[in-house]
Structures are given as structure tokens and as C-alpha cells.
């Protein structure tokens, strides 16, 4: 992970087409959420979307499903 000690390497951003939405308050604009990946294509495990995905997978393995809501900041 990037830090003062480890340096500030770049992440790749992998767009998630399923998140493409118009921005209703800004005509002609769309919102697209991306996942973070290292340059070799592996996911950045500390990225919030990846953390959520792992937890949802763990719940599914136990036979549960979750209803979640997130807030973009």
C-alpha cells in the first residue's frame, strides 16, 4: 500500500460498467465507480469496495445475504 515509508506508487483504476449512472443535477454528466488494482491486475485488498466484496462473499459462504447501502464521498 502507498505510504510515506513505502512511496506513493500508482494504482490502476478498473471501471465497473454496472455502476454507470447519469448525474441528474448535472446535465450531460455520468458517474462511474472504479475498483483499484495494482499494475499486475490484482485487486488492492485495502480498497473499500474490495473489503465490502470480501465480506459479502464470506456471508454468502455461510448462506446469508446482505442489504447494504454506501455513501460516495
PDB file of N, CA and C in Angstrom:
ATOM      1  N   UNK A   1       0.847  -1.175   0.000  1.00  0.00           N
ATOM      2  CA  UNK A   1       0.000   0.000   0.000  1.00  0.00           C
ATOM      3  C   UNK A   1       0.890   1.235   0.000  1.00  0.00           C
ATOM      4  N   UNK A   2       0.491   2.264  -0.661  1.00  0.00           N
ATOM      5  CA  UNK A   2       1.262   3.501  -0.704  1.00  0.00           C
ATOM      6  C   UNK A   2       1.306   4.152   0.668  1.00  0.00           C
ATOM      7  N   UNK A   3       2.440   4.695   0.990  1.00  0.00           N
ATOM      8  CA  UNK A   3       2.598   5.433   2.241  1.00  0.00           C
ATOM      9  C   UNK A   3       3.873   6.264   2.153  1.00  0.00           C
ATOM     10  N   UNK A   4       4.099   7.078   3.165  1.00  0.00           N
ATOM     11  CA  UNK A   4       5.314   7.875   3.205  1.00  0.00           C
ATOM     12  C   UNK A   4       6.537   6.955   3.189  1.00  0.00           C
ATOM     13  N   UNK A   5       6.476   5.859   3.961  1.00  0.00           N
ATOM     14  CA  UNK A   5       7.608   4.944   4.064  1.00  0.00           C
ATOM     15  C   UNK A   5       7.800   4.107   2.796  1.00  0.00           C
ATOM     16  N   UNK A   6       6.705   3.684   2.177  1.00  0.00           N
ATOM     17  CA  UNK A   6       6.772   2.780   1.026  1.00  0.00           C
ATOM     18  C   UNK A   6       6.781   3.494  -0.317  1.00  0.00           C
ATOM     19  N   UNK A   7       6.577   4.784  -0.305  1.00  0.00           N
ATOM     20  CA  UNK A   7       6.481   5.519  -1.561  1.00  0.00           C
ATOM     21  C   UNK A   7       5.035   5.622  -2.008  1.00  0.00           C
ATOM     22  N   UNK A   8       4.811   6.405  -2.994  1.00  0.00           N
ATOM     23  CA  UNK A   8       3.455   6.663  -3.463  1.00  0.00           C
ATOM     24  C   UNK A   8       3.278   6.127  -4.874  1.00  0.00           C
ATOM     25  N   UNK A   9       3.300   4.811  -4.982  1.00  0.00           N
ATOM     26  CA  UNK A   9       3.089   4.168  -6.275  1.00  0.00           C
ATOM     27  C   UNK A   9       1.674   4.390  -6.776  1.00  0.00           C
ATOM     28  N   UNK A  10       1.523   4.267  -8.057  1.00  0.00           N
ATOM     29  CA  UNK A  10       0.202   4.472  -8.652  1.00  0.00           C
ATOM     30  C   UNK A  10      -0.611   3.189  -8.632  1.00  0.00           C
ATOM     31  N   UNK A  11      -1.901   3.345  -8.484  1.00  0.00           N
ATOM     32  CA  UNK A  11      -2.847   2.250  -8.646  1.00  0.00           C
ATOM     33  C   UNK A  11      -3.460   2.384 -10.031  1.00  0.00           C
ATOM     34  N   UNK A  12      -3.929   1.284 -10.527  1.00  0.00           N
ATOM     35  CA  UNK A  12      -4.746   1.349 -11.728  1.00  0.00           C
ATOM     36  C   UNK A  12      -6.206   1.425 -11.323  1.00  0.00           C
ATOM     37  N   UNK A  13      -7.007   2.084 -12.109  1.00  0.00           N
ATOM     38  CA  UNK A  13      -8.446   2.143 -11.852  1.00  0.00           C
ATOM     39  C   UNK A  13      -9.148   1.307 -12.913  1.00  0.00           C
ATOM     40  N   UNK A  14      -9.976   0.369 -12.445  1.00  0.00           N
ATOM     41  CA  UNK A  14     -10.704  -0.531 -13.335  1.00  0.00           C
ATOM     42  C   UNK A  14     -12.180  -0.139 -13.281  1.00  0.00           C
ATOM     43  N   UNK A  15     -12.695   0.538 -14.295  1.00  0.00           N
ATOM     44  CA  UNK A  15     -14.092   0.984 -14.283  1.00  0.00           C
ATOM     45  C   UNK A  15     -15.057  -0.194 -14.169  1.00  0.00           C
ATOM     46  N   UNK A  16     -16.117   0.004 -13.400  1.00  0.00           N
ATOM     47  CA  UNK A  16     -17.170  -1.000 -13.247  1.00  0.00           C
ATOM     48  C   UNK A  16     -18.374  -0.525 -14.053  1.00  0.00           C
ATOM     49  N   UNK A  17     -18.570  -1.042 -15.270  1.00  0.00           N
ATOM     50  CA  UNK A  17     -19.662  -0.576 -16.130  1.00  0.00           C
ATOM     51  C   UNK A  17     -21.043  -0.715 -15.493  1.00  0.00           C
ATOM     52  N   UNK A  18     -21.205  -1.643 -14.554  1.00  0.00           N
ATOM     53  CA  UNK A  18     -22.504  -1.831 -13.899  1.00  0.00           C
ATOM     54  C   UNK A  18     -22.887  -0.634 -13.035  1.00  0.00           C
ATOM     55  N   UNK A  19     -21.936   0.248 -12.730  1.00  0.00           N
ATOM     56  CA  UNK A  19     -22.224   1.404 -11.877  1.00  0.00           C
ATOM     57  C   UNK A  19     -22.507   2.676 -12.664  1.00  0.00           C
ATOM     58  N   UNK A  20     -22.469   2.605 -13.984  1.00  0.00           N
ATOM     59  CA  UNK A  20     -22.673   3.792 -14.817  1.00  0.00           C
ATOM     60  C   UNK A  20     -24.074   4.363 -14.613  1.00  0.00           C
ATOM     61  N   UNK A  21     -24.138   5.611 -14.187  1.00  0.00           N
ATOM     62  CA  UNK A  21     -25.408   6.282 -13.908  1.00  0.00           C
ATOM     63  C   UNK A  21     -25.330   7.732 -14.360  1.00  0.00           C
ATOM     64  N   UNK A  22     -26.445   8.287 -14.839  1.00  0.00           N
ATOM     65  CA  UNK A  22     -26.454   9.727 -15.116  1.00  0.00           C
ATOM     66  C   UNK A  22     -26.450  10.510 -13.802  1.00  0.00           C
ATOM     67  N   UNK A  23     -25.855  11.675 -13.836  1.00  0.00           N
ATOM     68  CA  UNK A  23     -25.885  12.571 -12.679  1.00  0.00           C
ATOM     69  C   UNK A  23     -27.025  13.547 -12.929  1.00  0.00           C
ATOM     70  N   UNK A  24     -28.167  13.382 -12.238  1.00  0.00           N
ATOM     71  CA  UNK A  24     -29.358  14.155 -12.571  1.00  0.00           C
ATOM     72  C   UNK A  24     -29.213  15.662 -12.371  1.00  0.00           C
ATOM     73  N   UNK A  25     -28.357  16.085 -11.477  1.00  0.00           N
ATOM     74  CA  UNK A  25     -28.221  17.510 -11.201  1.00  0.00           C
ATOM     75  C   UNK A  25     -27.173  18.189 -12.088  1.00  0.00           C
ATOM     76  N   UNK A  26     -26.540  17.411 -12.990  1.00  0.00           N
ATOM     77  CA  UNK A  26     -25.523  17.992 -13.867  1.00  0.00           C
ATOM     78  C   UNK A  26     -25.692  17.405 -15.266  1.00  0.00           C
ATOM     79  N   UNK A  27     -26.468  18.103 -16.087  1.00  0.00           N
ATOM     80  CA  UNK A  27     -26.821  17.606 -17.417  1.00  0.00           C
ATOM     81  C   UNK A  27     -25.586  17.216 -18.230  1.00  0.00           C
ATOM     82  N   UNK A  28     -25.689  16.078 -18.905  1.00  0.00           N
ATOM     83  CA  UNK A  28     -24.607  15.615 -19.761  1.00  0.00           C
ATOM     84  C   UNK A  28     -23.453  14.962 -19.014  1.00  0.00           C
ATOM     85  N   UNK A  29     -23.670  14.646 -17.735  1.00  0.00           N
ATOM     86  CA  UNK A  29     -22.613  14.067 -16.910  1.00  0.00           C
ATOM     87  C   UNK A  29     -23.050  12.704 -16.393  1.00  0.00           C
ATOM     88  N   UNK A  30     -22.093  11.796 -16.291  1.00  0.00           N
ATOM     89  CA  UNK A  30     -22.375  10.461 -15.765  1.00  0.00           C
ATOM     90  C   UNK A  30     -21.396  10.145 -14.639  1.00  0.00           C
ATOM     91  N   UNK A  31     -21.784   9.193 -13.806  1.00  0.00           N
ATOM     92  CA  UNK A  31     -20.962   8.717 -12.700  1.00  0.00           C
ATOM     93  C   UNK A  31     -20.591   7.271 -12.978  1.00  0.00           C
ATOM     94  N   UNK A  32     -19.333   6.932 -12.793  1.00  0.00           N
ATOM     95  CA  UNK A  32     -18.855   5.570 -12.979  1.00  0.00           C
ATOM     96  C   UNK A  32     -17.880   5.270 -11.848  1.00  0.00           C
ATOM     97  N   UNK A  33     -18.143   4.222 -11.092  1.00  0.00           N
ATOM     98  CA  UNK A  33     -17.273   3.846  -9.980  1.00  0.00           C
ATOM     99  C   UNK A  33     -16.223   2.867 -10.495  1.00  0.00           C
ATOM    100  N   UNK A  34     -15.033   2.953  -9.942  1.00  0.00           N
ATOM    101  CA  UNK A  34     -13.940   2.077 -10.366  1.00  0.00           C
ATOM    102  C   UNK A  34     -13.371   1.326  -9.169  1.00  0.00           C
ATOM    103  N   UNK A  35     -12.847   0.146  -9.449  1.00  0.00           N
ATOM    104  CA  UNK A  35     -12.097  -0.618  -8.455  1.00  0.00           C
ATOM    105  C   UNK A  35     -10.626  -0.256  -8.597  1.00  0.00           C
ATOM    106  N   UNK A  36      -9.878  -0.401  -7.511  1.00  0.00           N
ATOM    107  CA  UNK A  36      -8.444  -0.151  -7.556  1.00  0.00           C
ATOM    108  C   UNK A  36      -7.712  -1.461  -7.781  1.00  0.00           C
ATOM    109  N   UNK A  37      -6.704  -1.424  -8.632  1.00  0.00           N
ATOM    110  CA  UNK A  37      -5.907  -2.618  -8.910  1.00  0.00           C
ATOM    111  C   UNK A  37      -4.441  -2.226  -9.018  1.00  0.00           C
ATOM    112  N   UNK A  38      -3.588  -3.163  -8.640  1.00  0.00           N
ATOM    113  CA  UNK A  38      -2.160  -2.986  -8.858  1.00  0.00           C
ATOM    114  C   UNK A  38      -1.889  -3.123 -10.346  1.00  0.00           C
ATOM    115  N   UNK A  39      -0.714  -2.765 -10.773  1.00  0.00           N
ATOM    116  CA  UNK A  39      -0.396  -2.807 -12.202  1.00  0.00           C
ATOM    117  C   UNK A  39      -0.396  -4.218 -12.773  1.00  0.00           C
ATOM    118  N   UNK A  40      -0.297  -5.244 -11.905  1.00  0.00           N
ATOM    119  CA  UNK A  40      -0.385  -6.622 -12.401  1.00  0.00           C
ATOM    120  C   UNK A  40      -1.835  -7.095 -12.520  1.00  0.00           C
ATOM    121  N   UNK A  41      -2.784  -6.210 -12.188  1.00  0.00           N
ATOM    122  CA  UNK A  41      -4.200  -6.537 -12.302  1.00  0.00           C
ATOM    123  C   UNK A  41      -4.821  -7.081 -11.034  1.00  0.00           C
ATOM    124  N   UNK A  42      -4.018  -7.385 -10.022  1.00  0.00           N
ATOM    125  CA  UNK A  42      -4.577  -7.913  -8.773  1.00  0.00           C
ATOM    126  C   UNK A  42      -5.243  -6.783  -7.991  1.00  0.00           C
ATOM    127  N   UNK A  43      -6.335  -7.099  -7.275  1.00  0.00           N
ATOM    128  CA  UNK A  43      -7.057  -6.048  -6.558  1.00  0.00           C
ATOM    129  C   UNK A  43      -6.251  -5.502  -5.381  1.00  0.00           C
ATOM    130  N   UNK A  44      -6.470  -4.234  -5.075  1.00  0.00           N
ATOM    131  CA  UNK A  44      -5.894  -3.612  -3.884  1.00  0.00           C
ATOM    132  C   UNK A  44      -6.795  -4.023  -2.723  1.00  0.00           C
ATOM    133  N   UNK A  45      -6.304  -4.921  -1.863  1.00  0.00           N
ATOM    134  CA  UNK A  45      -7.167  -5.525  -0.843  1.00  0.00           C
ATOM    135  C   UNK A  45      -7.665  -4.525   0.193  1.00  0.00           C
ATOM    136  N   UNK A  46      -6.973  -3.403   0.373  1.00  0.00           N
ATOM    137  CA  UNK A  46      -7.398  -2.410   1.355  1.00  0.00           C
ATOM    138  C   UNK A  46      -8.389  -1.400   0.786  1.00  0.00           C
ATOM    139  N   UNK A  47      -8.731  -1.514  -0.490  1.00  0.00           N
ATOM    140  CA  UNK A  47      -9.699  -0.597  -1.101  1.00  0.00           C
ATOM    141  C   UNK A  47     -11.094  -0.892  -0.543  1.00  0.00           C
ATOM    142  N   UNK A  48     -11.879   0.127  -0.218  1.00  0.00           N
ATOM    143  CA  UNK A  48     -13.191  -0.087   0.396  1.00  0.00           C
ATOM    144  C   UNK A  48     -14.111  -1.031  -0.379  1.00  0.00           C
ATOM    145  N   UNK A  49     -14.162  -0.923  -1.684  1.00  0.00           N
ATOM    146  CA  UNK A  49     -15.038  -1.824  -2.458  1.00  0.00           C
ATOM    147  C   UNK A  49     -14.576  -3.267  -2.353  1.00  0.00           C
ATOM    148  N   UNK A  50     -13.264  -3.471  -2.301  1.00  0.00           N
ATOM    149  CA  UNK A  50     -12.739  -4.827  -2.183  1.00  0.00           C
ATOM    150  C   UNK A  50     -13.037  -5.402  -0.799  1.00  0.00           C
ATOM    151  N   UNK A  51     -12.917  -4.588   0.234  1.00  0.00           N
ATOM    152  CA  UNK A  51     -13.242  -5.038   1.591  1.00  0.00           C
ATOM    153  C   UNK A  51     -14.704  -5.457   1.655  1.00  0.00           C
ATOM    154  N   UNK A  52     -15.596  -4.626   1.126  1.00  0.00           N
ATOM    155  CA  UNK A  52     -17.023  -4.961   1.121  1.00  0.00           C
ATOM    156  C   UNK A  52     -17.277  -6.240   0.333  1.00  0.00           C
ATOM    157  N   UNK A  53     -16.665  -6.367  -0.819  1.00  0.00           N
ATOM    158  CA  UNK A  53     -16.851  -7.559  -1.655  1.00  0.00           C
ATOM    159  C   UNK A  53     -16.436  -8.826  -0.896  1.00  0.00           C
ATOM    160  N   UNK A  54     -15.297  -8.767  -0.206  1.00  0.00           N
ATOM    161  CA  UNK A  54     -14.837  -9.939   0.557  1.00  0.00           C
ATOM    162  C   UNK A  54     -15.807 -10.298   1.669  1.00  0.00           C
ATOM    163  N   UNK A  55     -16.336  -9.289   2.350  1.00  0.00           N
ATOM    164  CA  UNK A  55     -17.278  -9.565   3.437  1.00  0.00           C
ATOM    165  C   UNK A  55     -18.584 -10.148   2.903  1.00  0.00           C
ATOM    166  N   UNK A  56     -19.058  -9.641   1.780  1.00  0.00           N
ATOM    167  CA  UNK A  56     -20.277 -10.188   1.174  1.00  0.00           C
ATOM    168  C   UNK A  56     -20.061 -11.628   0.733  1.00  0.00           C
ATOM    169  N   UNK A  57     -18.882 -11.926   0.203  1.00  0.00           N
ATOM    170  CA  UNK A  57     -18.559 -13.304  -0.181  1.00  0.00           C
ATOM    171  C   UNK A  57     -18.541 -14.220   1.033  1.00  0.00           C
ATOM    172  N   UNK A  58     -17.986 -13.749   2.137  1.00  0.00           N
ATOM    173  CA  UNK A  58     -17.957 -14.555   3.368  1.00  0.00           C
ATOM    174  C   UNK A  58     -19.368 -14.838   3.863  1.00  0.00           C
ATOM    175  N   UNK A  59     -20.229 -13.832   3.823  1.00  0.00           N
ATOM    176  CA  UNK A  59     -21.621 -14.044   4.232  1.00  0.00           C
ATOM    177  C   UNK A  59     -22.303 -15.063   3.333  1.00  0.00           C
ATOM    178  N   UNK A  60     -22.070 -14.954   2.035  1.00  0.00           N
ATOM    179  CA  UNK A  60     -22.684 -15.887   1.082  1.00  0.00           C
ATOM    180  C   UNK A  60     -22.241 -17.318   1.359  1.00  0.00           C
ATOM    181  N   UNK A  61     -20.980 -17.508   1.721  1.00  0.00           N
ATOM    182  CA  UNK A  61     -20.485 -18.845   2.053  1.00  0.00           C
ATOM    183  C   UNK A  61     -21.219 -19.433   3.254  1.00  0.00           C
ATOM    184  N   UNK A  62     -21.707 -18.571   4.140  1.00  0.00           N
ATOM    185  CA  UNK A  62     -22.450 -19.013   5.322  1.00  0.00           C
ATOM    186  C   UNK A  62     -23.950 -19.098   5.060  1.00  0.00           C
ATOM    187  N   UNK A  63     -24.360 -18.788   3.836  1.00  0.00           N
ATOM    188  CA  UNK A  63     -25.770 -18.867   3.479  1.00  0.00           C
ATOM    189  C   UNK A  63     -26.558 -17.594   3.727  1.00  0.00           C
ATOM    190  N   UNK A  64     -25.872 -16.497   3.969  1.00  0.00           N
ATOM    191  CA  UNK A  64     -26.537 -15.225   4.229  1.00  0.00           C
ATOM    192  C   UNK A  64     -26.398 -14.295   3.023  1.00  0.00           C
ATOM    193  N   UNK A  65     -27.307 -13.350   2.943  1.00  0.00           N
ATOM    194  CA  UNK A  65     -27.172 -12.246   2.002  1.00  0.00           C
ATOM    195  C   UNK A  65     -27.295 -10.956   2.794  1.00  0.00           C
ATOM    196  N   UNK A  66     -26.706  -9.913   2.294  1.00  0.00           N
ATOM    197  CA  UNK A  66     -26.745  -8.629   2.986  1.00  0.00           C
ATOM    198  C   UNK A  66     -27.387  -7.591   2.083  1.00  0.00           C
ATOM    199  N   UNK A  67     -28.092  -6.679   2.684  1.00  0.00           N
ATOM    200  CA  UNK A  67     -28.607  -5.499   2.002  1.00  0.00           C
ATOM    201  C   UNK A  67     -27.765  -4.335   2.509  1.00  0.00           C
ATOM    202  N   UNK A  68     -27.022  -3.723   1.615  1.00  0.00           N
ATOM    203  CA  UNK A  68     -26.106  -2.669   2.040  1.00  0.00           C
ATOM    204  C   UNK A  68     -26.370  -1.390   1.270  1.00  0.00           C
ATOM    205  N   UNK A  69     -26.020  -0.310   1.870  1.00  0.00           N
ATOM    206  CA  UNK A  69     -26.067   0.987   1.216  1.00  0.00           C
ATOM    207  C   UNK A  69     -24.756   1.697   1.503  1.00  0.00           C
ATOM    208  N   UNK A  70     -24.228   2.375   0.515  1.00  0.00           N
ATOM    209  CA  UNK A  70     -22.974   3.091   0.707  1.00  0.00           C
ATOM    210  C   UNK A  70     -23.172   4.559   0.374  1.00  0.00           C
ATOM    211  N   UNK A  71     -22.238   5.353   0.796  1.00  0.00           N
ATOM    212  CA  UNK A  71     -22.291   6.786   0.531  1.00  0.00           C
ATOM    213  C   UNK A  71     -21.016   7.193  -0.188  1.00  0.00           C
ATOM    214  N   UNK A  72     -21.163   7.859  -1.297  1.00  0.00           N
ATOM    215  CA  UNK A  72     -19.992   8.368  -2.012  1.00  0.00           C
ATOM    216  C   UNK A  72     -19.524   9.651  -1.358  1.00  0.00           C
ATOM    217  N   UNK A  73     -18.247   9.750  -1.148  1.00  0.00           N
ATOM    218  CA  UNK A  73     -17.685  10.974  -0.581  1.00  0.00           C
ATOM    219  C   UNK A  73     -16.525  11.427  -1.399  1.00  0.00           C
TER     220      UNK A  73
END
